[in-house]
Amino acid sequence: MYKQGSENSVADALSRRAHSDGHLLSISSCSPTWLQEVLQSYQNDEFASSTIAKLSVDSAAVPNYTLIDGILRYKNKIWVGSDPALQHKLISSLHNSIIGGHSGVLVTLRRLQQYFAW
């Protein structure tokens, strides 16, 4: 057990050390790189751009669509703009990754439809 002030002590998983200043020193967050590509896909997609503009003014303006942190969603699935290269990349990632495990066309399609729409 860790005892504060002892030189030869070892901290266990439950030990805590109080900080006198009480300041948070850092914050980290995870943001997938493909998410930036999704955001960029909206720039060349007229439907996505107009839907985002409408939802920015009124969150209920377009049925079944929501805008959360700049990401357009259709029935809670991430909307991907008309970017064939990105769409292919997402399909390949879900098929070729450890998660996809080369599951075949139908399983990959179902998995893709769980998370994305276009």
PDB file of N, CA and C in Angstrom:
ATOM      1  N   MET A   1       0.840  -1.182   0.000  1.00  0.00           N
ATOM      2  CA  MET A   1       0.000   0.000   0.000  1.00  0.00           C
ATOM      3  C   MET A   1       0.882   1.241   0.000  1.00  0.00           C
ATOM      4  N   TYR A   2       0.466   2.240  -0.655  1.00  0.00           N
ATOM      5  CA  TYR A   2       1.216   3.481  -0.766  1.00  0.00           C
ATOM      6  C   TYR A   2       0.934   4.361   0.436  1.00  0.00           C
ATOM      7  N   LYS A   3       1.991   4.806   1.052  1.00  0.00           N
ATOM      8  CA  LYS A   3       1.846   5.761   2.153  1.00  0.00           C
ATOM      9  C   LYS A   3       2.562   7.025   1.749  1.00  0.00           C
ATOM     10  N   GLN A   4       1.860   8.097   1.776  1.00  0.00           N
ATOM     11  CA  GLN A   4       2.428   9.363   1.367  1.00  0.00           C
ATOM     12  C   GLN A   4       3.587   9.720   2.297  1.00  0.00           C
ATOM     13  N   GLY A   5       4.699  10.055   1.687  1.00  0.00           N
ATOM     14  CA  GLY A   5       5.865  10.473   2.466  1.00  0.00           C
ATOM     15  C   GLY A   5       6.877   9.368   2.676  1.00  0.00           C
ATOM     16  N   SER A   6       6.527   8.092   2.418  1.00  0.00           N
ATOM     17  CA  SER A   6       7.516   7.039   2.589  1.00  0.00           C
ATOM     18  C   SER A   6       8.305   6.888   1.308  1.00  0.00           C
ATOM     19  N   GLU A   7       9.597   6.698   1.426  1.00  0.00           N
ATOM     20  CA  GLU A   7      10.482   6.685   0.269  1.00  0.00           C
ATOM     21  C   GLU A   7      10.421   5.375  -0.511  1.00  0.00           C
ATOM     22  N   ASN A   8      10.242   4.257   0.141  1.00  0.00           N
ATOM     23  CA  ASN A   8      10.290   2.965  -0.523  1.00  0.00           C
ATOM     24  C   ASN A   8       8.903   2.356  -0.710  1.00  0.00           C
ATOM     25  N   SER A   9       7.911   3.143  -0.854  1.00  0.00           N
ATOM     26  CA  SER A   9       6.563   2.611  -1.003  1.00  0.00           C
ATOM     27  C   SER A   9       6.203   2.453  -2.478  1.00  0.00           C
ATOM     28  N   VAL A  10       5.264   1.577  -2.755  1.00  0.00           N
ATOM     29  CA  VAL A  10       4.799   1.319  -4.110  1.00  0.00           C
ATOM     30  C   VAL A  10       3.305   1.605  -4.146  1.00  0.00           C
ATOM     31  N   ALA A  11       2.881   2.316  -5.174  1.00  0.00           N
ATOM     32  CA  ALA A  11       1.464   2.656  -5.295  1.00  0.00           C
ATOM     33  C   ALA A  11       0.699   1.454  -5.829  1.00  0.00           C
ATOM     34  N   ASP A  12      -0.467   1.193  -5.266  1.00  0.00           N
ATOM     35  CA  ASP A  12      -1.329   0.150  -5.811  1.00  0.00           C
ATOM     36  C   ASP A  12      -2.395   0.801  -6.697  1.00  0.00           C
ATOM     37  N   ALA A  13      -3.260  -0.015  -7.279  1.00  0.00           N
ATOM     38  CA  ALA A  13      -4.252   0.482  -8.241  1.00  0.00           C
ATOM     39  C   ALA A  13      -5.271   1.424  -7.609  1.00  0.00           C
ATOM     40  N   LEU A  14      -5.446   1.363  -6.316  1.00  0.00           N
ATOM     41  CA  LEU A  14      -6.460   2.189  -5.673  1.00  0.00           C
ATOM     42  C   LEU A  14      -5.899   3.418  -4.972  1.00  0.00           C
ATOM     43  N   SER A  15      -4.587   3.568  -4.969  1.00  0.00           N
ATOM     44  CA  SER A  15      -4.014   4.711  -4.255  1.00  0.00           C
ATOM     45  C   SER A  15      -4.293   6.010  -4.992  1.00  0.00           C
ATOM     46  N   ARG A  16      -4.370   7.066  -4.246  1.00  0.00           N
ATOM     47  CA  ARG A  16      -4.623   8.392  -4.806  1.00  0.00           C
ATOM     48  C   ARG A  16      -3.636   9.371  -4.186  1.00  0.00           C
ATOM     49  N   ARG A  17      -3.296  10.364  -4.949  1.00  0.00           N
ATOM     50  CA  ARG A  17      -2.424  11.406  -4.436  1.00  0.00           C
ATOM     51  C   ARG A  17      -3.144  12.727  -4.596  1.00  0.00           C
ATOM     52  N   ALA A  18      -3.328  13.407  -3.531  1.00  0.00           N
ATOM     53  CA  ALA A  18      -4.044  14.680  -3.572  1.00  0.00           C
ATOM     54  C   ALA A  18      -3.171  15.754  -4.222  1.00  0.00           C
ATOM     55  N   HIS A  19      -3.816  16.595  -5.017  1.00  0.00           N
ATOM     56  CA  HIS A  19      -3.135  17.740  -5.619  1.00  0.00           C
ATOM     57  C   HIS A  19      -3.618  18.991  -4.899  1.00  0.00           C
ATOM     58  N   SER A  20      -2.689  19.748  -4.422  1.00  0.00           N
ATOM     59  CA  SER A  20      -3.058  20.906  -3.618  1.00  0.00           C
ATOM     60  C   SER A  20      -3.646  22.053  -4.428  1.00  0.00           C
ATOM     61  N   ASP A  21      -3.233  22.204  -5.704  1.00  0.00           N
ATOM     62  CA  ASP A  21      -3.705  23.351  -6.472  1.00  0.00           C
ATOM     63  C   ASP A  21      -5.105  23.135  -7.069  1.00  0.00           C
ATOM     64  N   GLY A  22      -5.531  21.901  -7.269  1.00  0.00           N
ATOM     65  CA  GLY A  22      -6.868  21.616  -7.752  1.00  0.00           C
ATOM     66  C   GLY A  22      -7.121  21.988  -9.198  1.00  0.00           C
ATOM     67  N   HIS A  23      -6.075  22.195 -10.000  1.00  0.00           N
ATOM     68  CA  HIS A  23      -6.244  22.554 -11.410  1.00  0.00           C
ATOM     69  C   HIS A  23      -6.171  21.317 -12.289  1.00  0.00           C
ATOM     70  N   LEU A  24      -6.970  21.326 -13.324  1.00  0.00           N
ATOM     71  CA  LEU A  24      -6.907  20.289 -14.323  1.00  0.00           C
ATOM     72  C   LEU A  24      -5.741  20.619 -15.246  1.00  0.00           C
ATOM     73  N   LEU A  25      -4.865  19.658 -15.450  1.00  0.00           N
ATOM     74  CA  LEU A  25      -3.660  19.941 -16.200  1.00  0.00           C
ATOM     75  C   LEU A  25      -3.796  19.694 -17.704  1.00  0.00           C
ATOM     76  N   SER A  26      -4.644  18.757 -18.099  1.00  0.00           N
ATOM     77  CA  SER A  26      -4.791  18.510 -19.528  1.00  0.00           C
ATOM     78  C   SER A  26      -6.108  17.811 -19.820  1.00  0.00           C
ATOM     79  N   ILE A  27      -6.531  17.961 -21.064  1.00  0.00           N
ATOM     80  CA  ILE A  27      -7.718  17.282 -21.553  1.00  0.00           C
ATOM     81  C   ILE A  27      -7.348  16.668 -22.892  1.00  0.00           C
ATOM     82  N   SER A  28      -7.719  15.433 -23.089  1.00  0.00           N
ATOM     83  CA  SER A  28      -7.462  14.807 -24.383  1.00  0.00           C
ATOM     84  C   SER A  28      -8.776  14.291 -24.943  1.00  0.00           C
ATOM     85  N   SER A  29      -8.850  14.248 -26.252  1.00  0.00           N
ATOM     86  CA  SER A  29     -10.043  13.714 -26.899  1.00  0.00           C
ATOM     87  C   SER A  29      -9.622  12.966 -28.153  1.00  0.00           C
ATOM     88  N   CYS A  30     -10.469  12.083 -28.575  1.00  0.00           N
ATOM     89  CA  CYS A  30     -10.209  11.268 -29.755  1.00  0.00           C
ATOM     90  C   CYS A  30     -11.165  11.703 -30.860  1.00  0.00           C
ATOM     91  N   SER A  31     -10.628  12.025 -32.001  1.00  0.00           N
ATOM     92  CA  SER A  31     -11.451  12.388 -33.147  1.00  0.00           C
ATOM     93  C   SER A  31     -10.920  11.638 -34.364  1.00  0.00           C
ATOM     94  N   PRO A  32     -11.693  10.695 -34.882  1.00  0.00           N
ATOM     95  CA  PRO A  32     -11.223   9.922 -36.038  1.00  0.00           C
ATOM     96  C   PRO A  32     -10.937  10.822 -37.238  1.00  0.00           C
ATOM     97  N   THR A  33      -9.900  10.505 -37.982  1.00  0.00           N
ATOM     98  CA  THR A  33      -9.539  11.327 -39.140  1.00  0.00           C
ATOM     99  C   THR A  33     -10.599  11.247 -40.230  1.00  0.00           C
ATOM    100  N   TRP A  34     -11.291  10.118 -40.347  1.00  0.00           N
ATOM    101  CA  TRP A  34     -12.309   9.989 -41.377  1.00  0.00           C
ATOM    102  C   TRP A  34     -13.484  10.917 -41.126  1.00  0.00           C
ATOM    103  N   LEU A  35     -13.664  11.331 -39.875  1.00  0.00           N
ATOM    104  CA  LEU A  35     -14.748  12.251 -39.551  1.00  0.00           C
ATOM    105  C   LEU A  35     -14.524  13.604 -40.236  1.00  0.00           C
ATOM    106  N   GLN A  36     -13.273  14.030 -40.324  1.00  0.00           N
ATOM    107  CA  GLN A  36     -12.954  15.264 -41.046  1.00  0.00           C
ATOM    108  C   GLN A  36     -13.269  15.114 -42.537  1.00  0.00           C
ATOM    109  N   GLU A  37     -13.034  13.922 -43.070  1.00  0.00           N
ATOM    110  CA  GLU A  37     -13.360  13.679 -44.480  1.00  0.00           C
ATOM    111  C   GLU A  37     -14.877  13.728 -44.710  1.00  0.00           C
ATOM    112  N   VAL A  38     -15.642  13.252 -43.744  1.00  0.00           N
ATOM    113  CA  VAL A  38     -17.102  13.326 -43.841  1.00  0.00           C
ATOM    114  C   VAL A  38     -17.535  14.789 -43.873  1.00  0.00           C
ATOM    115  N   LEU A  39     -16.965  15.602 -42.983  1.00  0.00           N
ATOM    116  CA  LEU A  39     -17.293  17.029 -42.964  1.00  0.00           C
ATOM    117  C   LEU A  39     -16.941  17.690 -44.301  1.00  0.00           C
ATOM    118  N   GLN A  40     -15.807  17.327 -44.864  1.00  0.00           N
ATOM    119  CA  GLN A  40     -15.388  17.898 -46.150  1.00  0.00           C
ATOM    120  C   GLN A  40     -16.312  17.450 -47.286  1.00  0.00           C
ATOM    121  N   SER A  41     -16.879  16.259 -47.156  1.00  0.00           N
ATOM    122  CA  SER A  41     -17.766  15.760 -48.213  1.00  0.00           C
ATOM    123  C   SER A  41     -19.029  16.603 -48.341  1.00  0.00           C
ATOM    124  N   TYR A  42     -19.395  17.313 -47.301  1.00  0.00           N
ATOM    125  CA  TYR A  42     -20.591  18.162 -47.347  1.00  0.00           C
ATOM    126  C   TYR A  42     -20.393  19.389 -48.238  1.00  0.00           C
ATOM    127  N   GLN A  43     -19.152  19.828 -48.395  1.00  0.00           N
ATOM    128  CA  GLN A  43     -18.877  21.048 -49.150  1.00  0.00           C
ATOM    129  C   GLN A  43     -19.279  20.932 -50.612  1.00  0.00           C
ATOM    130  N   ASN A  44     -19.122  19.758 -51.205  1.00  0.00           N
ATOM    131  CA  ASN A  44     -19.441  19.566 -52.624  1.00  0.00           C
ATOM    132  C   ASN A  44     -20.783  18.882 -52.832  1.00  0.00           C
ATOM    133  N   ASP A  45     -21.554  18.728 -51.775  1.00  0.00           N
ATOM    134  CA  ASP A  45     -22.845  18.059 -51.850  1.00  0.00           C
ATOM    135  C   ASP A  45     -23.944  19.091 -51.616  1.00  0.00           C
ATOM    136  N   GLU A  46     -24.692  19.401 -52.680  1.00  0.00           N
ATOM    137  CA  GLU A  46     -25.724  20.432 -52.594  1.00  0.00           C
ATOM    138  C   GLU A  46     -26.815  20.071 -51.587  1.00  0.00           C
ATOM    139  N   PHE A  47     -27.229  18.799 -51.576  1.00  0.00           N
ATOM    140  CA  PHE A  47     -28.263  18.365 -50.638  1.00  0.00           C
ATOM    141  C   PHE A  47     -27.791  18.520 -49.191  1.00  0.00           C
ATOM    142  N   ALA A  48     -26.574  18.049 -48.910  1.00  0.00           N
ATOM    143  CA  ALA A  48     -26.043  18.142 -47.544  1.00  0.00           C
ATOM    144  C   ALA A  48     -25.906  19.592 -47.115  1.00  0.00           C
ATOM    145  N   SER A  49     -25.389  20.437 -48.000  1.00  0.00           N
ATOM    146  CA  SER A  49     -25.212  21.853 -47.666  1.00  0.00           C
ATOM    147  C   SER A  49     -26.536  22.540 -47.352  1.00  0.00           C
ATOM    148  N   SER A  50     -27.551  22.297 -48.184  1.00  0.00           N
ATOM    149  CA  SER A  50     -28.843  22.948 -47.943  1.00  0.00           C
ATOM    150  C   SER A  50     -29.527  22.382 -46.701  1.00  0.00           C
ATOM    151  N   THR A  51     -29.374  21.094 -46.450  1.00  0.00           N
ATOM    152  CA  THR A  51     -29.974  20.486 -45.255  1.00  0.00           C
ATOM    153  C   THR A  51     -29.320  21.033 -44.000  1.00  0.00           C
ATOM    154  N   ILE A  52     -27.996  21.171 -44.011  1.00  0.00           N
ATOM    155  CA  ILE A  52     -27.274  21.734 -42.863  1.00  0.00           C
ATOM    156  C   ILE A  52     -27.717  23.171 -42.620  1.00  0.00           C
ATOM    157  N   ALA A  53     -27.869  23.942 -43.687  1.00  0.00           N
ATOM    158  CA  ALA A  53     -28.311  25.339 -43.554  1.00  0.00           C
ATOM    159  C   ALA A  53     -29.697  25.404 -42.917  1.00  0.00           C
ATOM    160  N   LYS A  54     -30.606  24.551 -43.347  1.00  0.00           N
ATOM    161  CA  LYS A  54     -31.959  24.541 -42.781  1.00  0.00           C
ATOM    162  C   LYS A  54     -31.947  24.128 -41.309  1.00  0.00           C
ATOM    163  N   LEU A  55     -31.171  23.089 -40.998  1.00  0.00           N
ATOM    164  CA  LEU A  55     -31.118  22.595 -39.620  1.00  0.00           C
ATOM    165  C   LEU A  55     -30.411  23.569 -38.679  1.00  0.00           C
ATOM    166  N   SER A  56     -29.526  24.385 -39.224  1.00  0.00           N
ATOM    167  CA  SER A  56     -28.838  25.397 -38.416  1.00  0.00           C
ATOM    168  C   SER A  56     -29.805  26.452 -37.916  1.00  0.00           C
ATOM    169  N   VAL A  57     -30.841  26.732 -38.704  1.00  0.00           N
ATOM    170  CA  VAL A  57     -31.842  27.719 -38.344  1.00  0.00           C
ATOM    171  C   VAL A  57     -32.936  27.098 -37.469  1.00  0.00           C
ATOM    172  N   ASP A  58     -33.385  25.907 -37.864  1.00  0.00           N
ATOM    173  CA  ASP A  58     -34.467  25.226 -37.144  1.00  0.00           C
ATOM    174  C   ASP A  58     -34.140  23.737 -37.085  1.00  0.00           C
ATOM    175  N   SER A  59     -33.890  23.212 -35.897  1.00  0.00           N
ATOM    176  CA  SER A  59     -33.459  21.818 -35.744  1.00  0.00           C
ATOM    177  C   SER A  59     -34.510  20.801 -36.190  1.00  0.00           C
ATOM    178  N   ALA A  60     -35.741  21.238 -36.385  1.00  0.00           N
ATOM    179  CA  ALA A  60     -36.802  20.328 -36.835  1.00  0.00           C
ATOM    180  C   ALA A  60     -37.221  20.606 -38.281  1.00  0.00           C
ATOM    181  N   ALA A  61     -36.434  21.377 -39.006  1.00  0.00           N
ATOM    182  CA  ALA A  61     -36.813  21.810 -40.351  1.00  0.00           C
ATOM    183  C   ALA A  61     -36.860  20.669 -41.362  1.00  0.00           C
ATOM    184  N   VAL A  62     -36.022  19.657 -41.198  1.00  0.00           N
ATOM    185  CA  VAL A  62     -35.969  18.545 -42.144  1.00  0.00           C
ATOM    186  C   VAL A  62     -36.235  17.252 -41.376  1.00  0.00           C
ATOM    187  N   PRO A  63     -37.371  16.609 -41.629  1.00  0.00           N
ATOM    188  CA  PRO A  63     -37.699  15.377 -40.897  1.00  0.00           C
ATOM    189  C   PRO A  63     -36.630  14.295 -41.062  1.00  0.00           C
ATOM    190  N   ASN A  64     -36.364  13.588 -39.989  1.00  0.00           N
ATOM    191  CA  ASN A  64     -35.410  12.472 -39.931  1.00  0.00           C
ATOM    192  C   ASN A  64     -33.945  12.889 -39.966  1.00  0.00           C
ATOM    193  N   TYR A  65     -33.652  14.165 -40.108  1.00  0.00           N
ATOM    194  CA  TYR A  65     -32.269  14.649 -40.142  1.00  0.00           C
ATOM    195  C   TYR A  65     -31.973  15.469 -38.897  1.00  0.00           C
ATOM    196  N   THR A  66     -30.759  15.307 -38.378  1.00  0.00           N
ATOM    197  CA  THR A  66     -30.296  16.114 -37.250  1.00  0.00           C
ATOM    198  C   THR A  66     -28.883  16.591 -37.546  1.00  0.00           C
ATOM    199  N   LEU A  67     -28.505  17.629 -36.850  1.00  0.00           N
ATOM    200  CA  LEU A  67     -27.156  18.183 -36.974  1.00  0.00           C
ATOM    201  C   LEU A  67     -26.546  18.200 -35.587  1.00  0.00           C
ATOM    202  N   ILE A  68     -25.517  17.387 -35.378  1.00  0.00           N
ATOM    203  CA  ILE A  68     -24.859  17.275 -34.080  1.00  0.00           C
ATOM    204  C   ILE A  68     -23.366  17.511 -34.272  1.00  0.00           C
ATOM    205  N   ASP A  69     -22.858  18.582 -33.672  1.00  0.00           N
ATOM    206  CA  ASP A  69     -21.439  18.946 -33.768  1.00  0.00           C
ATOM    207  C   ASP A  69     -20.964  19.031 -35.217  1.00  0.00           C
ATOM    208  N   GLY A  70     -21.814  19.570 -36.077  1.00  0.00           N
ATOM    209  CA  GLY A  70     -21.443  19.750 -37.471  1.00  0.00           C
ATOM    210  C   GLY A  70     -21.638  18.513 -38.339  1.00  0.00           C
ATOM    211  N   ILE A  71     -21.955  17.388 -37.714  1.00  0.00           N
ATOM    212  CA  ILE A  71     -22.160  16.135 -38.449  1.00  0.00           C
ATOM    213  C   ILE A  71     -23.648  15.970 -38.737  1.00  0.00           C
ATOM    214  N   LEU A  72     -23.959  15.818 -40.007  1.00  0.00           N
ATOM    215  CA  LEU A  72     -25.334  15.603 -40.429  1.00  0.00           C
ATOM    216  C   LEU A  72     -25.676  14.130 -40.211  1.00  0.00           C
ATOM    217  N   ARG A  73     -26.848  13.881 -39.647  1.00  0.00           N
ATOM    218  CA  ARG A  73     -27.290  12.507 -39.386  1.00  0.00           C
ATOM    219  C   ARG A  73     -28.675  12.295 -39.969  1.00  0.00           C
ATOM    220  N   TYR A  74     -28.866  11.126 -40.548  1.00  0.00           N
ATOM    221  CA  TYR A  74     -30.159  10.707 -41.050  1.00  0.00           C
ATOM    222  C   TYR A  74     -30.603   9.515 -40.217  1.00  0.00           C
ATOM    223  N   LYS A  75     -31.687   9.679 -39.469  1.00  0.00           N
ATOM    224  CA  LYS A  75     -32.173   8.637 -38.557  1.00  0.00           C
ATOM    225  C   LYS A  75     -31.044   8.133 -37.658  1.00  0.00           C
ATOM    226  N   ASN A  76     -30.266   9.069 -37.164  1.00  0.00           N
ATOM    227  CA  ASN A  76     -29.156   8.839 -36.237  1.00  0.00           C
ATOM    228  C   ASN A  76     -27.953   8.127 -36.873  1.00  0.00           C
ATOM    229  N   LYS A  77     -27.914   8.040 -38.193  1.00  0.00           N
ATOM    230  CA  LYS A  77     -26.764   7.478 -38.899  1.00  0.00           C
ATOM    231  C   LYS A  77     -25.987   8.623 -39.525  1.00  0.00           C
ATOM    232  N   ILE A  78     -24.690   8.520 -39.566  1.00  0.00           N
ATOM    233  CA  ILE A  78     -23.854   9.591 -40.122  1.00  0.00           C
ATOM    234  C   ILE A  78     -24.105   9.702 -41.625  1.00  0.00           C
ATOM    235  N   TRP A  79     -24.489  10.909 -42.040  1.00  0.00           N
ATOM    236  CA  TRP A  79     -24.721  11.175 -43.456  1.00  0.00           C
ATOM    237  C   TRP A  79     -23.390  11.481 -44.122  1.00  0.00           C
ATOM    238  N   VAL A  80     -23.096  10.747 -45.202  1.00  0.00           N
ATOM    239  CA  VAL A  80     -21.870  10.948 -45.965  1.00  0.00           C
ATOM    240  C   VAL A  80     -22.263  11.657 -47.248  1.00  0.00           C
ATOM    241  N   GLY A  81     -21.593  12.757 -47.535  1.00  0.00           N
ATOM    242  CA  GLY A  81     -21.887  13.517 -48.749  1.00  0.00           C
ATOM    243  C   GLY A  81     -21.536  12.738 -50.002  1.00  0.00           C
ATOM    244  N   SER A  82     -21.909  13.280 -51.155  1.00  0.00           N
ATOM    245  CA  SER A  82     -21.658  12.589 -52.423  1.00  0.00           C
ATOM    246  C   SER A  82     -20.175  12.649 -52.780  1.00  0.00           C
ATOM    247  N   ASP A  83     -19.415  11.776 -52.152  1.00  0.00           N
ATOM    248  CA  ASP A  83     -17.972  11.652 -52.371  1.00  0.00           C
ATOM    249  C   ASP A  83     -17.666  10.168 -52.567  1.00  0.00           C
ATOM    250  N   PRO A  84     -17.672   9.708 -53.832  1.00  0.00           N
ATOM    251  CA  PRO A  84     -17.478   8.283 -54.094  1.00  0.00           C
ATOM    252  C   PRO A  84     -16.189   7.711 -53.492  1.00  0.00           C
ATOM    253  N   ALA A  85     -15.135   8.491 -53.465  1.00  0.00           N
ATOM    254  CA  ALA A  85     -13.872   7.998 -52.896  1.00  0.00           C
ATOM    255  C   ALA A  85     -14.019   7.731 -51.400  1.00  0.00           C
ATOM    256  N   LEU A  86     -14.682   8.630 -50.687  1.00  0.00           N
ATOM    257  CA  LEU A  86     -14.900   8.438 -49.257  1.00  0.00           C
ATOM    258  C   LEU A  86     -15.843   7.267 -49.007  1.00  0.00           C
ATOM    259  N   GLN A  87     -16.895   7.169 -49.798  1.00  0.00           N
ATOM    260  CA  GLN A  87     -17.827   6.056 -49.642  1.00  0.00           C
ATOM    261  C   GLN A  87     -17.119   4.722 -49.844  1.00  0.00           C
ATOM    262  N   HIS A  88     -16.273   4.643 -50.849  1.00  0.00           N
ATOM    263  CA  HIS A  88     -15.493   3.426 -51.106  1.00  0.00           C
ATOM    264  C   HIS A  88     -14.542   3.139 -49.948  1.00  0.00           C
ATOM    265  N   LYS A  89     -13.936   4.183 -49.428  1.00  0.00           N
ATOM    266  CA  LYS A  89     -13.019   4.027 -48.295  1.00  0.00           C
ATOM    267  C   LYS A  89     -13.747   3.455 -47.073  1.00  0.00           C
ATOM    268  N   LEU A  90     -14.947   3.939 -46.804  1.00  0.00           N
ATOM    269  CA  LEU A  90     -15.726   3.443 -45.670  1.00  0.00           C
ATOM    270  C   LEU A  90     -16.131   1.982 -45.884  1.00  0.00           C
ATOM    271  N   ILE A  91     -16.556   1.659 -47.105  1.00  0.00           N
ATOM    272  CA  ILE A  91     -16.921   0.270 -47.413  1.00  0.00           C
ATOM    273  C   ILE A  91     -15.712  -0.641 -47.225  1.00  0.00           C
ATOM    274  N   SER A  92     -14.576  -0.241 -47.777  1.00  0.00           N
ATOM    275  CA  SER A  92     -13.356  -1.045 -47.657  1.00  0.00           C
ATOM    276  C   SER A  92     -12.926  -1.200 -46.206  1.00  0.00           C
ATOM    277  N   SER A  93     -13.027  -0.113 -45.444  1.00  0.00           N
ATOM    278  CA  SER A  93     -12.625  -0.169 -44.037  1.00  0.00           C
ATOM    279  C   SER A  93     -13.490  -1.144 -43.253  1.00  0.00           C
ATOM    280  N   LEU A  94     -14.788  -1.113 -43.493  1.00  0.00           N
ATOM    281  CA  LEU A  94     -15.670  -2.024 -42.768  1.00  0.00           C
ATOM    282  C   LEU A  94     -15.519  -3.466 -43.237  1.00  0.00           C
ATOM    283  N   HIS A  95     -15.066  -3.667 -44.450  1.00  0.00           N
ATOM    284  CA  HIS A  95     -14.861  -5.022 -44.962  1.00  0.00           C
ATOM    285  C   HIS A  95     -13.488  -5.573 -44.589  1.00  0.00           C
ATOM    286  N   ASN A  96     -12.455  -4.745 -44.722  1.00  0.00           N
ATOM    287  CA  ASN A  96     -11.078  -5.221 -44.563  1.00  0.00           C
ATOM    288  C   ASN A  96     -10.535  -5.146 -43.143  1.00  0.00           C
ATOM    289  N   SER A  97     -11.189  -4.401 -42.277  1.00  0.00           N
ATOM    290  CA  SER A  97     -10.662  -4.204 -40.931  1.00  0.00           C
ATOM    291  C   SER A  97     -10.866  -5.438 -40.059  1.00  0.00           C
ATOM    292  N   ILE A  98     -10.288  -5.403 -38.889  1.00  0.00           N
ATOM    293  CA  ILE A  98     -10.464  -6.479 -37.917  1.00  0.00           C
ATOM    294  C   ILE A  98     -11.939  -6.598 -37.546  1.00  0.00           C
ATOM    295  N   ILE A  99     -12.611  -5.460 -37.447  1.00  0.00           N
ATOM    296  CA  ILE A  99     -14.040  -5.459 -37.113  1.00  0.00           C
ATOM    297  C   ILE A  99     -14.834  -6.150 -38.220  1.00  0.00           C
ATOM    298  N   GLY A 100     -14.517  -5.828 -39.469  1.00  0.00           N
ATOM    299  CA  GLY A 100     -15.246  -6.407 -40.596  1.00  0.00           C
ATOM    300  C   GLY A 100     -14.876  -7.845 -40.859  1.00  0.00           C
ATOM    301  N   GLY A 101     -13.594  -8.132 -40.775  1.00  0.00           N
ATOM    302  CA  GLY A 101     -13.111  -9.497 -40.927  1.00  0.00           C
ATOM    303  C   GLY A 101     -13.475 -10.162 -42.243  1.00  0.00           C
ATOM    304  N   HIS A 102     -13.515  -9.414 -43.333  1.00  0.00           N
ATOM    305  CA  HIS A 102     -13.850  -9.974 -44.644  1.00  0.00           C
ATOM    306  C   HIS A 102     -15.131 -10.798 -44.561  1.00  0.00           C
ATOM    307  N   SER A 103     -16.171 -10.180 -44.024  1.00  0.00           N
ATOM    308  CA  SER A 103     -17.411 -10.892 -43.717  1.00  0.00           C
ATOM    309  C   SER A 103     -18.298 -11.170 -44.927  1.00  0.00           C
ATOM    310  N   GLY A 104     -17.989 -10.631 -46.070  1.00  0.00           N
ATOM    311  CA  GLY A 104     -18.833 -10.841 -47.233  1.00  0.00           C
ATOM    312  C   GLY A 104     -19.683  -9.615 -47.520  1.00  0.00           C
ATOM    313  N   VAL A 105     -20.333  -9.624 -48.667  1.00  0.00           N
ATOM    314  CA  VAL A 105     -21.065  -8.465 -49.141  1.00  0.00           C
ATOM    315  C   VAL A 105     -22.249  -8.112 -48.240  1.00  0.00           C
ATOM    316  N   LEU A 106     -23.103  -9.079 -47.939  1.00  0.00           N
ATOM    317  CA  LEU A 106     -24.318  -8.786 -47.179  1.00  0.00           C
ATOM    318  C   LEU A 106     -24.023  -8.329 -45.755  1.00  0.00           C
ATOM    319  N   VAL A 107     -23.087  -8.976 -45.094  1.00  0.00           N
ATOM    320  CA  VAL A 107     -22.745  -8.598 -43.716  1.00  0.00           C
ATOM    321  C   VAL A 107     -22.094  -7.222 -43.704  1.00  0.00           C
ATOM    322  N   THR A 108     -21.209  -6.962 -44.655  1.00  0.00           N
ATOM    323  CA  THR A 108     -20.560  -5.655 -44.737  1.00  0.00           C
ATOM    324  C   THR A 108     -21.601  -4.572 -45.025  1.00  0.00           C
ATOM    325  N   LEU A 109     -22.543  -4.849 -45.923  1.00  0.00           N
ATOM    326  CA  LEU A 109     -23.596  -3.886 -46.244  1.00  0.00           C
ATOM    327  C   LEU A 109     -24.464  -3.589 -45.013  1.00  0.00           C
ATOM    328  N   ARG A 110     -24.843  -4.625 -44.272  1.00  0.00           N
ATOM    329  CA  ARG A 110     -25.641  -4.409 -43.057  1.00  0.00           C
ATOM    330  C   ARG A 110     -24.874  -3.586 -42.029  1.00  0.00           C
ATOM    331  N   ARG A 111     -23.599  -3.866 -41.872  1.00  0.00           N
ATOM    332  CA  ARG A 111     -22.782  -3.121 -40.917  1.00  0.00           C
ATOM    333  C   ARG A 111     -22.656  -1.666 -41.347  1.00  0.00           C
ATOM    334  N   LEU A 112     -22.477  -1.452 -42.636  1.00  0.00           N
ATOM    335  CA  LEU A 112     -22.391  -0.101 -43.187  1.00  0.00           C
ATOM    336  C   LEU A 112     -23.697   0.651 -42.958  1.00  0.00           C
ATOM    337  N   GLN A 113     -24.821  -0.014 -43.164  1.00  0.00           N
ATOM    338  CA  GLN A 113     -26.129   0.618 -42.994  1.00  0.00           C
ATOM    339  C   GLN A 113     -26.459   0.901 -41.531  1.00  0.00           C
ATOM    340  N   GLN A 114     -25.774   0.240 -40.604  1.00  0.00           N
ATOM    341  CA  GLN A 114     -25.977   0.521 -39.180  1.00  0.00           C
ATOM    342  C   GLN A 114     -25.445   1.890 -38.811  1.00  0.00           C
ATOM    343  N   TYR A 115     -24.356   2.317 -39.454  1.00  0.00           N
ATOM    344  CA  TYR A 115     -23.643   3.516 -39.040  1.00  0.00           C
ATOM    345  C   TYR A 115     -23.744   4.688 -40.023  1.00  0.00           C
ATOM    346  N   PHE A 116     -23.924   4.401 -41.314  1.00  0.00           N
ATOM    347  CA  PHE A 116     -23.826   5.444 -42.339  1.00  0.00           C
ATOM    348  C   PHE A 116     -25.028   5.443 -43.276  1.00  0.00           C
ATOM    349  N   ALA A 117     -25.243   6.598 -43.898  1.00  0.00           N
ATOM    350  CA  ALA A 117     -26.266   6.745 -44.936  1.00  0.00           C
ATOM    351  C   ALA A 117     -25.728   7.715 -45.972  1.00  0.00           C
ATOM    352  N   TRP A 118     -26.124   7.509 -47.235  1.00  0.00           N
ATOM    353  CA  TRP A 118     -25.822   8.451 -48.317  1.00  0.00           C
ATOM    354  C   TRP A 118     -26.796   8.295 -49.438  1.00  0.00           C
TER     355      TRP A 118
END
